[in-house]
PDB file of all heavy atoms in Angstrom:
ATOM      1  N   THR A   1      11.213 -32.413  65.461  1.00  0.00           N
ATOM      2  CA  THR A   1       9.849 -32.854  65.109  1.00  0.00           C
ATOM      3  C   THR A   1       9.900 -34.277  64.485  1.00  0.00           C
ATOM      4  O   THR A   1       9.095 -35.126  64.813  1.00  0.00           O
ATOM      5  CB  THR A   1       9.226 -31.878  64.156  1.00  0.00           C
ATOM      6  OG1 THR A   1       9.118 -30.587  64.761  1.00  0.00           O
ATOM      7  CG2 THR A   1       7.771 -32.330  63.795  1.00  0.00           C
ATOM      8  N   GLY A   2      10.848 -34.467  63.570  1.00  0.00           N
ATOM      9  CA  GLY A   2      11.016 -35.758  62.908  1.00  0.00           C
ATOM     10  C   GLY A   2      11.344 -36.827  63.963  1.00  0.00           C
ATOM     11  O   GLY A   2      10.892 -38.013  63.806  1.00  0.00           O
ATOM     12  N   ASP A   3      12.184 -36.474  64.933  1.00  0.00           N
ATOM     13  CA  ASP A   3      12.536 -37.489  65.971  1.00  0.00           C
ATOM     14  C   ASP A   3      11.317 -37.965  66.789  1.00  0.00           C
ATOM     15  O   ASP A   3      11.179 -39.155  67.086  1.00  0.00           O
ATOM     16  CB  ASP A   3      13.557 -36.933  66.943  1.00  0.00           C
ATOM     17  CG  ASP A   3      14.938 -36.710  66.262  1.00  0.00           C
ATOM     18  OD1 ASP A   3      15.151 -37.338  65.179  1.00  0.00           O
ATOM     19  OD2 ASP A   3      15.730 -35.888  66.770  1.00  0.00           O
ATOM     20  N   ILE A   4      10.411 -37.025  67.091  1.00  0.00           N
ATOM     21  CA  ILE A   4       9.203 -37.344  67.865  1.00  0.00           C
ATOM     22  C   ILE A   4       8.293 -38.243  67.024  1.00  0.00           C
ATOM     23  O   ILE A   4       7.745 -39.236  67.471  1.00  0.00           O
ATOM     24  CB  ILE A   4       8.443 -36.089  68.325  1.00  0.00           C
ATOM     25  CG1 ILE A   4       9.285 -35.442  69.452  1.00  0.00           C
ATOM     26  CG2 ILE A   4       7.070 -36.478  68.809  1.00  0.00           C
ATOM     27  CD1 ILE A   4       8.600 -34.156  70.001  1.00  0.00           C
ATOM     28  N   LEU A   5       8.151 -37.892  65.740  1.00  0.00           N
ATOM     29  CA  LEU A   5       7.261 -38.622  64.861  1.00  0.00           C
ATOM     30  C   LEU A   5       7.822 -40.041  64.650  1.00  0.00           C
ATOM     31  O   LEU A   5       7.061 -41.048  64.686  1.00  0.00           O
ATOM     32  CB  LEU A   5       7.141 -37.946  63.500  1.00  0.00           C
ATOM     33  CG  LEU A   5       6.345 -36.558  63.553  1.00  0.00           C
ATOM     34  CD1 LEU A   5       6.330 -35.956  62.158  1.00  0.00           C
ATOM     35  CD2 LEU A   5       4.950 -36.718  64.089  1.00  0.00           C
ATOM     36  N   ARG A   6       9.144 -40.171  64.463  1.00  0.00           N
ATOM     37  CA  ARG A   6       9.703 -41.502  64.286  1.00  0.00           C
ATOM     38  C   ARG A   6       9.611 -42.328  65.544  1.00  0.00           C
ATOM     39  O   ARG A   6       9.466 -43.575  65.481  1.00  0.00           O
ATOM     40  CB  ARG A   6      11.185 -41.340  63.847  1.00  0.00           C
ATOM     41  CG  ARG A   6      11.313 -40.815  62.440  1.00  0.00           C
ATOM     42  CD  ARG A   6      12.804 -40.896  61.948  1.00  0.00           C
ATOM     43  NE  ARG A   6      12.941 -40.321  60.644  1.00  0.00           N
ATOM     44  CZ  ARG A   6      13.282 -39.031  60.379  1.00  0.00           C
ATOM     45  NH1 ARG A   6      13.488 -38.193  61.420  1.00  0.00           N
ATOM     46  NH2 ARG A   6      13.377 -38.616  59.146  1.00  0.00           N
ATOM     47  N   SER A   7       9.649 -41.677  66.714  1.00  0.00           N
ATOM     48  CA  SER A   7       9.439 -42.436  67.937  1.00  0.00           C
ATOM     49  C   SER A   7       8.051 -42.964  68.065  1.00  0.00           C
ATOM     50  O   SER A   7       7.807 -43.949  68.778  1.00  0.00           O
ATOM     51  CB  SER A   7       9.746 -41.496  69.162  1.00  0.00           C
ATOM     52  OG  SER A   7       8.750 -40.559  69.275  1.00  0.00           O
ATOM     53  N   GLY A   8       7.100 -42.376  67.339  1.00  0.00           N
ATOM     54  CA  GLY A   8       5.759 -42.811  67.298  1.00  0.00           C
ATOM     55  C   GLY A   8       5.506 -43.857  66.212  1.00  0.00           C
ATOM     56  O   GLY A   8       4.369 -44.251  65.952  1.00  0.00           O
ATOM     57  N   GLY A   9       6.599 -44.333  65.614  1.00  0.00           N
ATOM     58  CA  GLY A   9       6.477 -45.416  64.610  1.00  0.00           C
ATOM     59  C   GLY A   9       6.326 -44.972  63.141  1.00  0.00           C
ATOM     60  O   GLY A   9       5.984 -45.727  62.291  1.00  0.00           O
ATOM     61  N   TRP A  10       6.525 -43.625  62.937  1.00  0.00           N
ATOM     62  CA  TRP A  10       6.346 -43.114  61.578  1.00  0.00           C
ATOM     63  C   TRP A  10       7.460 -43.655  60.605  1.00  0.00           C
ATOM     64  O   TRP A  10       8.608 -43.761  60.993  1.00  0.00           O
ATOM     65  CB  TRP A  10       6.432 -41.587  61.561  1.00  0.00           C
ATOM     66  CG  TRP A  10       5.139 -40.944  62.008  1.00  0.00           C
ATOM     67  CD1 TRP A  10       4.438 -41.193  63.168  1.00  0.00           C
ATOM     68  CD2 TRP A  10       4.402 -39.916  61.331  1.00  0.00           C
ATOM     69  NE1 TRP A  10       3.359 -40.407  63.252  1.00  0.00           N
ATOM     70  CE2 TRP A  10       3.278 -39.603  62.165  1.00  0.00           C
ATOM     71  CE3 TRP A  10       4.561 -39.248  60.144  1.00  0.00           C
ATOM     72  CZ2 TRP A  10       2.343 -38.631  61.800  1.00  0.00           C
ATOM     73  CZ3 TRP A  10       3.669 -38.252  59.796  1.00  0.00           C
ATOM     74  CH2 TRP A  10       2.583 -37.949  60.617  1.00  0.00           C
ATOM     75  N   THR A  11       7.023 -43.987  59.414  1.00  0.00           N
ATOM     76  CA  THR A  11       7.957 -44.358  58.383  1.00  0.00           C
ATOM     77  C   THR A  11       7.684 -43.441  57.129  1.00  0.00           C
ATOM     78  O   THR A  11       6.788 -42.595  57.178  1.00  0.00           O
ATOM     79  CB  THR A  11       7.772 -45.843  57.956  1.00  0.00           C
ATOM     80  OG1 THR A  11       6.441 -45.997  57.434  1.00  0.00           O
ATOM     81  CG2 THR A  11       8.018 -46.742  59.160  1.00  0.00           C
ATOM     82  N   LEU A  12       8.406 -43.753  56.023  1.00  0.00           N
ATOM     83  CA  LEU A  12       8.127 -42.985  54.814  1.00  0.00           C
ATOM     84  C   LEU A  12       6.711 -43.219  54.321  1.00  0.00           C
ATOM     85  O   LEU A  12       6.016 -42.295  53.860  1.00  0.00           O
ATOM     86  CB  LEU A  12       9.171 -43.395  53.740  1.00  0.00           C
ATOM     87  CG  LEU A  12       9.046 -42.727  52.373  1.00  0.00           C
ATOM     88  CD1 LEU A  12       9.158 -41.196  52.492  1.00  0.00           C
ATOM     89  CD2 LEU A  12      10.049 -43.276  51.411  1.00  0.00           C
ATOM     90  N   LEU A  13       6.245 -44.461  54.490  1.00  0.00           N
ATOM     91  CA  LEU A  13       4.860 -44.787  54.126  1.00  0.00           C
ATOM     92  C   LEU A  13       3.900 -43.953  54.921  1.00  0.00           C
ATOM     93  O   LEU A  13       2.889 -43.417  54.348  1.00  0.00           O
ATOM     94  CB  LEU A  13       4.572 -46.255  54.282  1.00  0.00           C
ATOM     95  CG  LEU A  13       3.103 -46.712  54.164  1.00  0.00           C
ATOM     96  CD1 LEU A  13       2.591 -46.410  52.781  1.00  0.00           C
ATOM     97  CD2 LEU A  13       2.933 -48.173  54.537  1.00  0.00           C
ATOM     98  N   THR A  14       4.118 -43.851  56.206  1.00  0.00           N
ATOM     99  CA  THR A  14       3.211 -43.025  57.059  1.00  0.00           C
ATOM    100  C   THR A  14       3.145 -41.584  56.564  1.00  0.00           C
ATOM    101  O   THR A  14       2.063 -41.031  56.456  1.00  0.00           O
ATOM    102  CB  THR A  14       3.719 -43.052  58.521  1.00  0.00           C
ATOM    103  OG1 THR A  14       4.086 -44.392  58.917  1.00  0.00           O
ATOM    104  CG2 THR A  14       2.671 -42.513  59.471  1.00  0.00           C
ATOM    105  N   ALA A  15       4.308 -41.015  56.260  1.00  0.00           N
ATOM    106  CA  ALA A  15       4.375 -39.635  55.868  1.00  0.00           C
ATOM    107  C   ALA A  15       3.641 -39.444  54.535  1.00  0.00           C
ATOM    108  O   ALA A  15       2.881 -38.474  54.375  1.00  0.00           O
ATOM    109  CB  ALA A  15       5.837 -39.179  55.736  1.00  0.00           C
ATOM    110  N   VAL A  16       3.900 -40.389  53.599  1.00  0.00           N
ATOM    111  CA  VAL A  16       3.251 -40.238  52.284  1.00  0.00           C
ATOM    112  C   VAL A  16       1.725 -40.299  52.427  1.00  0.00           C
ATOM    113  O   VAL A  16       0.972 -39.505  51.882  1.00  0.00           O
ATOM    114  CB  VAL A  16       3.757 -41.343  51.315  1.00  0.00           C
ATOM    115  CG1 VAL A  16       2.858 -41.408  50.065  1.00  0.00           C
ATOM    116  CG2 VAL A  16       5.156 -41.076  50.965  1.00  0.00           C
ATOM    117  N   ASN A  17       1.258 -41.244  53.274  1.00  0.00           N
ATOM    118  CA  ASN A  17      -0.182 -41.424  53.399  1.00  0.00           C
ATOM    119  C   ASN A  17      -0.839 -40.334  54.241  1.00  0.00           C
ATOM    120  O   ASN A  17      -1.989 -39.984  54.029  1.00  0.00           O
ATOM    121  CB  ASN A  17      -0.526 -42.782  53.992  1.00  0.00           C
ATOM    122  CG  ASN A  17      -0.633 -43.863  52.921  1.00  0.00           C
ATOM    123  OD1 ASN A  17      -0.277 -43.624  51.741  1.00  0.00           O
ATOM    124  ND2 ASN A  17      -1.143 -45.032  53.284  1.00  0.00           N
ATOM    125  N   VAL A  18      -0.068 -39.715  55.151  1.00  0.00           N
ATOM    126  CA  VAL A  18      -0.630 -38.545  55.884  1.00  0.00           C
ATOM    127  C   VAL A  18      -0.763 -37.387  54.932  1.00  0.00           C
ATOM    128  O   VAL A  18      -1.740 -36.645  54.932  1.00  0.00           O
ATOM    129  CB  VAL A  18       0.255 -38.153  57.080  1.00  0.00           C
ATOM    130  CG1 VAL A  18      -0.162 -36.804  57.675  1.00  0.00           C
ATOM    131  CG2 VAL A  18       0.173 -39.221  58.167  1.00  0.00           C
ATOM    132  N   MET A  19       0.242 -37.203  54.001  1.00  0.00           N
ATOM    133  CA  MET A  19       0.106 -36.171  53.006  1.00  0.00           C
ATOM    134  C   MET A  19      -1.096 -36.385  52.064  1.00  0.00           C
ATOM    135  O   MET A  19      -1.830 -35.450  51.795  1.00  0.00           O
ATOM    136  CB  MET A  19       1.405 -36.107  52.184  1.00  0.00           C
ATOM    137  CG  MET A  19       2.627 -35.617  52.934  1.00  0.00           C
ATOM    138  SD  MET A  19       4.157 -35.657  51.965  1.00  0.00           S
ATOM    139  CE  MET A  19       3.847 -34.329  50.796  1.00  0.00           C
ATOM    140  N   LEU A  20      -1.341 -37.589  51.725  1.00  0.00           N
ATOM    141  CA  LEU A  20      -2.482 -37.955  50.913  1.00  0.00           C
ATOM    142  C   LEU A  20      -3.791 -37.737  51.679  1.00  0.00           C
ATOM    143  O   LEU A  20      -4.759 -37.227  51.155  1.00  0.00           O
ATOM    144  CB  LEU A  20      -2.416 -39.384  50.403  1.00  0.00           C
ATOM    145  CG  LEU A  20      -1.359 -39.702  49.337  1.00  0.00           C
ATOM    146  CD1 LEU A  20      -1.202 -41.208  49.118  1.00  0.00           C
ATOM    147  CD2 LEU A  20      -1.715 -38.998  48.048  1.00  0.00           C
ATOM    148  N   PHE A  21      -3.777 -38.171  52.956  1.00  0.00           N
ATOM    149  CA  PHE A  21      -5.021 -38.038  53.783  1.00  0.00           C
ATOM    150  C   PHE A  21      -5.273 -36.572  54.100  1.00  0.00           C
ATOM    151  O   PHE A  21      -6.400 -36.181  54.266  1.00  0.00           O
ATOM    152  CB  PHE A  21      -4.863 -38.900  55.010  1.00  0.00           C
ATOM    153  CG  PHE A  21      -6.214 -39.087  55.755  1.00  0.00           C
ATOM    154  CD1 PHE A  21      -7.168 -39.857  55.157  1.00  0.00           C
ATOM    155  CD2 PHE A  21      -6.419 -38.503  56.968  1.00  0.00           C
ATOM    156  CE1 PHE A  21      -8.404 -40.024  55.825  1.00  0.00           C
ATOM    157  CE2 PHE A  21      -7.664 -38.679  57.593  1.00  0.00           C
ATOM    158  CZ  PHE A  21      -8.657 -39.452  57.061  1.00  0.00           C
ATOM    159  N   SER A  22      -4.219 -35.775  54.223  1.00  0.00           N
ATOM    160  CA  SER A  22      -4.360 -34.356  54.448  1.00  0.00           C
ATOM    161  C   SER A  22      -5.092 -33.691  53.228  1.00  0.00           C
ATOM    162  O   SER A  22      -5.847 -32.755  53.405  1.00  0.00           O
ATOM    163  CB  SER A  22      -3.034 -33.703  54.639  1.00  0.00           C
ATOM    164  OG  SER A  22      -3.127 -32.311  54.766  1.00  0.00           O
ATOM    165  N   LEU A  23      -4.825 -34.293  52.047  1.00  0.00           N
ATOM    166  CA  LEU A  23      -5.532 -33.788  50.807  1.00  0.00           C
ATOM    167  C   LEU A  23      -6.961 -34.367  50.784  1.00  0.00           C
ATOM    168  O   LEU A  23      -7.912 -33.643  50.490  1.00  0.00           O
ATOM    169  CB  LEU A  23      -4.761 -34.239  49.605  1.00  0.00           C
ATOM    170  CG  LEU A  23      -5.478 -33.999  48.245  1.00  0.00           C
ATOM    171  CD1 LEU A  23      -5.610 -32.482  47.927  1.00  0.00           C
ATOM    172  CD2 LEU A  23      -4.693 -34.760  47.118  1.00  0.00           C
ATOM    173  N   LEU A  24      -7.086 -35.664  51.066  1.00  0.00           N
ATOM    174  CA  LEU A  24      -8.355 -36.319  50.909  1.00  0.00           C
ATOM    175  C   LEU A  24      -8.945 -36.685  52.271  1.00  0.00           C
ATOM    176  O   LEU A  24      -8.901 -37.791  52.735  1.00  0.00           O
ATOM    177  CB  LEU A  24      -8.154 -37.648  50.123  1.00  0.00           C
ATOM    178  CG  LEU A  24      -7.521 -37.471  48.722  1.00  0.00           C
ATOM    179  CD1 LEU A  24      -7.121 -38.805  48.119  1.00  0.00           C
ATOM    180  CD2 LEU A  24      -8.483 -36.735  47.779  1.00  0.00           C
ATOM    181  N   HIS A  25      -9.496 -35.727  52.900  1.00  0.00           N
ATOM    182  CA  HIS A  25     -10.267 -35.932  54.144  1.00  0.00           C
ATOM    183  C   HIS A  25     -11.380 -34.943  54.243  1.00  0.00           C
ATOM    184  O   HIS A  25     -11.487 -34.011  53.407  1.00  0.00           O
ATOM    185  CB  HIS A  25      -9.379 -35.948  55.400  1.00  0.00           C
ATOM    186  CG  HIS A  25      -8.982 -34.541  55.841  1.00  0.00           C
ATOM    187  ND1 HIS A  25      -8.047 -33.818  55.222  1.00  0.00           N
ATOM    188  CD2 HIS A  25      -9.403 -33.779  56.883  1.00  0.00           C
ATOM    189  CE1 HIS A  25      -7.886 -32.654  55.835  1.00  0.00           C
ATOM    190  NE2 HIS A  25      -8.711 -32.617  56.835  1.00  0.00           N
ATOM    191  N   ASN A  26     -12.240 -35.081  55.271  1.00  0.00           N
ATOM    192  CA  ASN A  26     -13.396 -34.182  55.344  1.00  0.00           C
ATOM    193  C   ASN A  26     -13.005 -32.740  55.463  1.00  0.00           C
ATOM    194  O   ASN A  26     -11.914 -32.379  55.985  1.00  0.00           O
ATOM    195  CB  ASN A  26     -14.213 -34.622  56.577  1.00  0.00           C
ATOM    196  CG  ASN A  26     -13.372 -34.690  57.788  1.00  0.00           C
ATOM    197  OD1 ASN A  26     -12.720 -35.709  58.062  1.00  0.00           O
ATOM    198  ND2 ASN A  26     -13.280 -33.637  58.633  1.00  0.00           N
ATOM    199  N   PRO A  27     -13.881 -31.829  55.031  1.00  0.00           N
ATOM    200  CA  PRO A  27     -13.575 -30.371  55.201  1.00  0.00           C
ATOM    201  C   PRO A  27     -13.598 -30.004  56.667  1.00  0.00           C
ATOM    202  O   PRO A  27     -14.156 -30.755  57.533  1.00  0.00           O
ATOM    203  CB  PRO A  27     -14.765 -29.734  54.484  1.00  0.00           C
ATOM    204  CG  PRO A  27     -15.449 -30.799  53.619  1.00  0.00           C
ATOM    205  CD  PRO A  27     -15.136 -32.086  54.343  1.00  0.00           C
ATOM    206  N   CYS A  28     -12.951 -28.878  56.997  1.00  0.00           N
ATOM    207  CA  CYS A  28     -12.987 -28.383  58.345  1.00  0.00           C
ATOM    208  C   CYS A  28     -14.384 -27.946  58.657  1.00  0.00           C
ATOM    209  O   CYS A  28     -15.249 -27.738  57.768  1.00  0.00           O
ATOM    210  CB  CYS A  28     -11.974 -27.279  58.551  1.00  0.00           C
ATOM    211  SG  CYS A  28     -12.440 -25.775  57.669  1.00  0.00           S
ATOM    212  N   SER A  29     -14.721 -27.785  59.938  1.00  0.00           N
ATOM    213  CA  SER A  29     -16.071 -27.424  60.385  1.00  0.00           C
ATOM    214  C   SER A  29     -16.492 -26.084  59.801  1.00  0.00           C
ATOM    215  O   SER A  29     -17.673 -25.841  59.538  1.00  0.00           O
ATOM    216  CB  SER A  29     -16.145 -27.442  61.890  1.00  0.00           C
ATOM    217  OG  SER A  29     -15.176 -26.583  62.468  1.00  0.00           O
TER     218      SER A  29
END
C-alpha cells in the first residue's frame, strides 16, 4: 500500500495532512 501511495507522489507531508484532513473535513452523508 505504501509503495502505491509513494508512486502517486506521497511524502511525509502528504500523509500528515491527509491525517489532519481526515479529522477536519465534512461529515459523511
